[in-house]
Amino acid sequence: MDLDFIYSRKFYFFDFDGVIKDSVELKGRAYQDVITKFYGSEAGSRAMAHHLQNGGVSRFEKFKLYMKWFGGEVPQEVLLQEFSNNIVSKVVNSRYILNVVPFLKYLKQLNIACFVLSATPEVELKSIVTQLRINEFFAEEISREDFFTDETEEAIGLVGSRVVGPTIADDIKTGAVYS
């Protein structure tokens, strides 16, 4: 294996769901459960399918869209709270992606700074990473909505970083900006 690829990087940015933990589908089921509770099973199935196609979109944007699709009689705050109440323990108890922890340990030994970037709200993300006791591997856990700006794509390229995860990579390629 050519280790120049690893040594040449100054920073690694990891997406969380589907990169560190196998939690994409379980989050989809959580969306399905919340929407089913308030709008019925057909709406819940549609929310699940949407999440699986749009995993990296924030829950705030998803619930805003779902309210538009299914009617806005339930306040967004209620949907968000219902989702948050159930998701943290499910993510903490989900499986790790194969070999991610040894890779994080290896990067730490090389003194390569790693960051978690996720659509998950930052307070929740930090809680999950702390409960998993993997915070030692990361310089910081950051909500993507707080991270991406017009300068991000250029800055990541200039510092020789590596992006791990399809959602973040897509964001950078497309110049997605979260505000």
Foldseek 3Di string as FASTA:
>chain_A
DDCCLVLQAQEEEEEPDPFFFVCQQVLLQLQLVLCCVPQNNVLSVVSSVVCVVVVQAAPLVSLVVSCVVRPVPDPPVVSVVSSVVPRLVVRLPTGTDPPPLVVLVVSVVVVRAYEYEGSPPQVSVVVSCVSNVVCVSHPGYYYQLVPQDQCVLVVCVVNRHHYHDDVVVVCSVVVPHHD
